[in-house]
Every structure is written in C-alpha cells, then in structure tokens.
Amino acid sequence: MLMWDSGVRISEITSLNIGHVQFDRYGAVIIVTRKTGRRRLRLISSVPDLQQWMNLHPERSNANAPLFITLRNYGKSPRRMDMHIIENTLKSLTKKSLYDRKKYKIIISVSSSYLLDSQLSTLLSGRFFTIPVFPLDFRDYLAFQGIEITDDPVDLAARKYEILNQLKRYLREGGFPIVVLQEDERTKDDYLKAYYGSIV
C-alpha cells in the first residue's frame, strides 16, 4: 500500500528510518532520498497501516532505527529489511503453493520489471498475467468530473467554455485517477509531485 500511495521504489522504502515519517492532520509525509535529492511525499491511503506498524515497531522511539525490519533478531537489534529479504519471502510463499491451494492471492504491482526479470518469474510461470493500467484520456477525465460528452455539434458548441476549462485542468493535472478524484488542491499537488519525483 505504501508503494502505491507514495509512488516510490522498493529500495527507497527499505532505506527509510523511523525519523523519515511525520504524521500530521492530513495524514503523513515521508522523507525519501532519491537521485535528485531529498523529497517530502504526502501519504493518505496507507496512513492507517503505517500508523499501526509504527505503534507496534519495537524501536519506535529511535528516529535512526529502520522503518521496515525483519521479524528475526540479529544480535541486539532487528535487521533492516532489504530487497533480497522481500524476494526470498515471495519465493517461499510461492514454493508453499499457497496460490495453488487457492488460499491466498499473490498480487505483485510494479512499474519496473525487476521482480519478473529475477528468478521469481520462473516460480510464477503460467500463474500470472499482466494488466497494463493507463492514465485517463480526456473523455474519461470528463466522465470523472460528471460531464458527459455527446457527438452533437450543437451541444458541444453550447458547452465549449466548460469543456475548454476542463481541458486546461486536464493538461495541468494529467490523467492519474487518484489525482482527478481528489478535491483538495494541496493533496492533488502532493500526488503530482510524488508521481513526478518517481518517474523523472
């Protein structure tokens, strides 16, 4: 959920410390170090889960402690979770055939092909399919705004300025559904900055 909400990479999430999370009245902000420097990213949907994890975290009062840790102790303190641990966990779940027993569904959502380029793809062979998700086109954007477009030229001419105003907003906001559905302008800007920071 945190990856979806923030748009950050797995490696960026696993490098977070407790002190990189700041809760406020709008939800939470995480401070992520990227190629372009440090960025503050707004979280909304993942805040309840993150708050619950922070309440259970064994080192929640230590700002320098890793945010995500393994369940095993290595020495005196828990070990930072890394990409290999995540990959091995997914492999072990797959080997136990939880998918085959129809007990659990394993859903991997990534914007890069790292996981499928690794050996994990051989374990999931024949058990996965790709669903490409595209941003909204302008007609979809209008539908999200509650505006139905017809092919009637008279109707289009009568609504010309309303449609042009929506086009300006579409060009500024883009077609990300989560952005379009937000009513608060600040939240929209936070999402757009997060997308920009994770893509560019």
Protein backbone atom coordinates (compact mmCIF):
# COMPACT_ATOMS: atom_id res chain seq x y z
CA MET A 1 0.00 0.00 0.00
CA LEU A 2 2.84 2.40 0.85
CA MET A 3 4.42 1.92 -2.57
CA TRP A 4 1.13 2.60 -4.31
CA ASP A 5 0.35 5.62 -2.16
CA SER A 6 3.77 7.25 -2.49
CA GLY A 7 4.96 6.06 -5.89
CA VAL A 8 8.43 5.25 -4.51
CA ARG A 9 10.67 2.34 -5.38
CA ILE A 10 11.14 -0.68 -3.10
CA SER A 11 14.75 0.31 -2.46
CA GLU A 12 13.61 3.77 -1.35
CA ILE A 13 11.06 2.29 1.05
CA THR A 14 13.53 -0.16 2.58
CA SER A 15 16.01 2.67 3.22
CA LEU A 16 13.51 4.67 5.33
CA ASN A 17 14.09 5.20 9.06
CA ILE A 18 11.52 5.94 11.78
CA GLY A 19 12.53 9.62 11.66
CA HIS A 20 11.65 9.83 7.96
CA VAL A 21 7.93 9.54 8.80
CA GLN A 22 6.00 12.57 10.02
CA PHE A 23 2.31 12.34 10.87
CA ASP A 24 0.11 15.44 10.59
CA ARG A 25 -3.58 16.35 10.36
CA TYR A 26 -3.71 15.49 6.64
CA GLY A 27 -2.17 12.04 7.05
CA ALA A 28 1.58 11.58 6.89
CA VAL A 29 4.67 12.67 5.00
CA ILE A 30 7.71 10.53 4.30
CA ILE A 31 11.12 11.98 3.52
CA VAL A 32 12.72 9.96 0.73
CA THR A 33 16.25 10.30 -0.60
CA ARG A 34 16.29 9.99 -4.38
CA LYS A 35 18.73 10.55 -7.21
CA THR A 36 17.65 14.20 -7.31
CA GLY A 37 17.95 14.70 -3.54
CA ARG A 38 15.58 14.53 -0.58
CA ARG A 39 11.84 14.79 -1.24
CA ARG A 40 8.80 15.06 1.02
CA LEU A 41 5.97 12.83 -0.21
CA ARG A 42 2.38 13.01 1.06
CA LEU A 43 0.70 9.76 2.13
CA ILE A 44 -3.03 9.32 2.50
CA SER A 45 -4.35 5.81 1.84
CA SER A 46 -1.50 3.98 3.56
CA VAL A 47 -1.56 6.10 6.75
CA PRO A 48 -3.72 3.74 8.90
CA ASP A 49 -1.46 0.75 8.16
CA LEU A 50 1.68 2.81 8.65
CA GLN A 51 0.39 4.20 11.95
CA GLN A 52 -0.45 0.70 13.16
CA TRP A 53 3.03 -0.54 12.21
CA MET A 54 4.68 2.42 13.95
CA ASN A 55 2.70 1.64 17.12
CA LEU A 56 3.96 -1.98 17.04
CA HIS A 57 7.55 -1.19 15.97
CA PRO A 58 9.97 -2.40 18.67
CA GLU A 59 12.22 0.68 18.23
CA ARG A 60 9.55 3.31 17.51
CA SER A 61 11.22 5.89 19.79
CA ASN A 62 14.55 5.68 17.91
CA ALA A 63 14.47 8.07 14.92
CA ASN A 64 17.51 6.34 13.37
CA ALA A 65 16.01 2.83 13.53
CA PRO A 66 15.00 1.24 10.20
CA LEU A 67 11.30 1.66 9.48
CA PHE A 68 10.90 -1.81 7.99
CA ILE A 69 12.66 -4.66 9.74
CA THR A 70 12.79 -8.44 9.60
CA LEU A 71 10.91 -10.48 12.15
CA ARG A 72 14.14 -12.14 13.30
CA ASN A 73 16.64 -10.50 15.60
CA TYR A 74 20.26 -10.41 14.50
CA GLY A 75 22.25 -9.56 17.58
CA LYS A 76 20.85 -6.76 19.73
CA SER A 77 18.56 -5.06 17.22
CA PRO A 78 16.30 -6.06 14.32
CA ARG A 79 17.79 -6.06 10.85
CA ARG A 80 16.71 -3.65 8.11
CA MET A 81 14.51 -5.32 5.52
CA ASP A 82 16.13 -5.33 2.08
CA MET A 83 15.22 -6.35 -1.45
CA HIS A 84 16.67 -9.86 -1.01
CA ILE A 85 14.51 -10.49 2.05
CA ILE A 86 11.39 -9.35 0.17
CA GLU A 87 12.29 -11.51 -2.83
CA ASN A 88 13.01 -14.56 -0.64
CA THR A 89 9.71 -14.10 1.19
CA LEU A 90 7.81 -14.06 -2.10
CA LYS A 91 9.72 -17.13 -3.26
CA SER A 92 8.92 -19.08 -0.10
CA LEU A 93 5.23 -18.15 -0.35
CA THR A 94 5.22 -19.35 -3.94
CA LYS A 95 7.03 -22.58 -3.08
CA LYS A 96 4.46 -23.37 -0.41
CA SER A 97 1.90 -23.29 -3.22
CA LEU A 98 -0.47 -21.01 -1.39
CA TYR A 99 -1.62 -19.82 -4.79
CA ASP A 100 -2.23 -23.38 -5.97
CA ARG A 101 -4.33 -24.21 -2.92
CA LYS A 102 -6.44 -21.10 -3.62
CA LYS A 103 -5.82 -19.99 -0.05
CA TYR A 104 -4.14 -16.69 -0.94
CA LYS A 105 -3.82 -14.50 -3.97
CA ILE A 106 -0.38 -13.06 -4.56
CA ILE A 107 -0.55 -9.70 -6.29
CA ILE A 108 2.67 -8.01 -7.36
CA SER A 109 2.30 -4.49 -8.65
CA VAL A 110 5.43 -2.86 -10.01
CA SER A 111 6.28 -0.22 -12.55
CA SER A 112 9.59 -1.85 -13.42
CA SER A 113 10.38 -5.39 -14.43
CA TYR A 114 12.84 -6.09 -11.59
CA LEU A 115 10.82 -8.82 -9.91
CA LEU A 116 9.84 -10.54 -13.13
CA ASP A 117 13.39 -10.31 -14.52
CA SER A 118 14.64 -12.15 -11.45
CA GLN A 119 14.23 -15.87 -10.76
CA LEU A 120 10.82 -15.16 -9.24
CA SER A 121 9.30 -15.25 -12.73
CA THR A 122 10.24 -18.92 -13.07
CA LEU A 123 8.39 -19.76 -9.86
CA LEU A 124 5.27 -17.95 -11.05
CA SER A 125 5.46 -19.37 -14.57
CA GLY A 126 1.99 -19.86 -16.01
CA ARG A 127 0.33 -18.33 -12.94
CA PHE A 128 0.46 -14.65 -13.68
CA PHE A 129 -0.82 -12.18 -16.19
CA THR A 130 -0.09 -8.56 -16.85
CA ILE A 131 -2.76 -5.88 -16.61
CA PRO A 132 -1.49 -2.62 -18.10
CA VAL A 133 -3.04 0.39 -16.39
CA PHE A 134 -3.14 3.60 -18.39
CA PRO A 135 -3.98 7.15 -17.30
CA LEU A 136 -7.34 8.66 -18.17
CA ASP A 137 -7.84 10.12 -21.61
CA PHE A 138 -9.72 13.42 -21.86
CA ARG A 139 -13.14 11.77 -22.34
CA ASP A 140 -12.52 9.62 -19.23
CA TYR A 141 -11.39 12.71 -17.34
CA LEU A 142 -14.65 14.47 -18.21
CA ALA A 143 -16.63 11.41 -17.10
CA PHE A 144 -14.82 11.53 -13.73
CA GLN A 145 -15.88 15.18 -13.48
CA GLY A 146 -19.51 14.19 -14.16
CA ILE A 147 -19.55 15.69 -17.67
CA GLU A 148 -20.94 13.54 -20.46
CA ILE A 149 -19.82 14.40 -23.98
CA THR A 150 -22.07 13.70 -26.92
CA ASP A 151 -21.27 13.87 -30.63
CA ASP A 152 -23.95 16.52 -31.14
CA PRO A 153 -22.17 19.65 -32.54
CA VAL A 154 -24.83 22.00 -31.11
CA ASP A 155 -24.38 20.56 -27.61
CA LEU A 156 -20.58 20.78 -27.95
CA ALA A 157 -20.79 24.43 -29.08
CA ALA A 158 -23.07 25.30 -26.17
CA ARG A 159 -20.63 23.74 -23.69
CA LYS A 160 -17.47 25.00 -25.39
CA TYR A 161 -16.16 27.10 -22.47
CA GLU A 162 -16.95 24.45 -19.85
CA ILE A 163 -15.06 21.85 -21.90
CA LEU A 164 -12.12 24.21 -22.55
CA ASN A 165 -11.84 24.96 -18.82
CA GLN A 166 -11.80 21.23 -18.11
CA LEU A 167 -9.15 20.77 -20.82
CA LYS A 168 -6.91 23.33 -19.07
CA ARG A 169 -7.32 21.42 -15.78
CA TYR A 170 -6.65 18.11 -17.54
CA LEU A 171 -3.44 19.45 -19.08
CA ARG A 172 -2.31 20.72 -15.66
CA GLU A 173 -3.39 17.70 -13.56
CA GLY A 174 -2.92 14.89 -16.04
CA GLY A 175 -4.94 11.71 -16.16
CA PHE A 176 -3.99 9.92 -12.94
CA PRO A 177 -7.32 8.77 -11.46
CA ILE A 178 -6.24 9.25 -7.83
CA VAL A 179 -5.32 12.88 -8.61
CA VAL A 180 -8.53 13.58 -10.51
CA LEU A 181 -10.67 12.23 -7.65
CA GLN A 182 -9.05 14.47 -5.02
CA GLU A 183 -11.00 17.59 -4.08
CA ASP A 184 -8.24 19.26 -2.08
CA GLU A 185 -5.81 21.14 -4.35
CA ARG A 186 -2.90 20.64 -1.96
CA THR A 187 -3.43 16.89 -1.98
CA LYS A 188 -3.55 16.92 -5.78
CA ASP A 189 -0.26 18.82 -5.88
CA ASP A 190 1.32 16.35 -3.43
CA TYR A 191 0.30 13.39 -5.59
CA LEU A 192 1.57 15.08 -8.76
CA LYS A 193 4.92 15.87 -7.09
CA ALA A 194 5.17 12.26 -5.95
CA TYR A 195 4.49 10.98 -9.47
CA TYR A 196 6.94 13.44 -10.97
CA GLY A 197 9.62 12.51 -8.44
CA SER A 198 9.21 8.78 -9.02
CA ILE A 199 9.06 8.94 -12.83
CA VAL A 200 11.56 11.64 -13.75
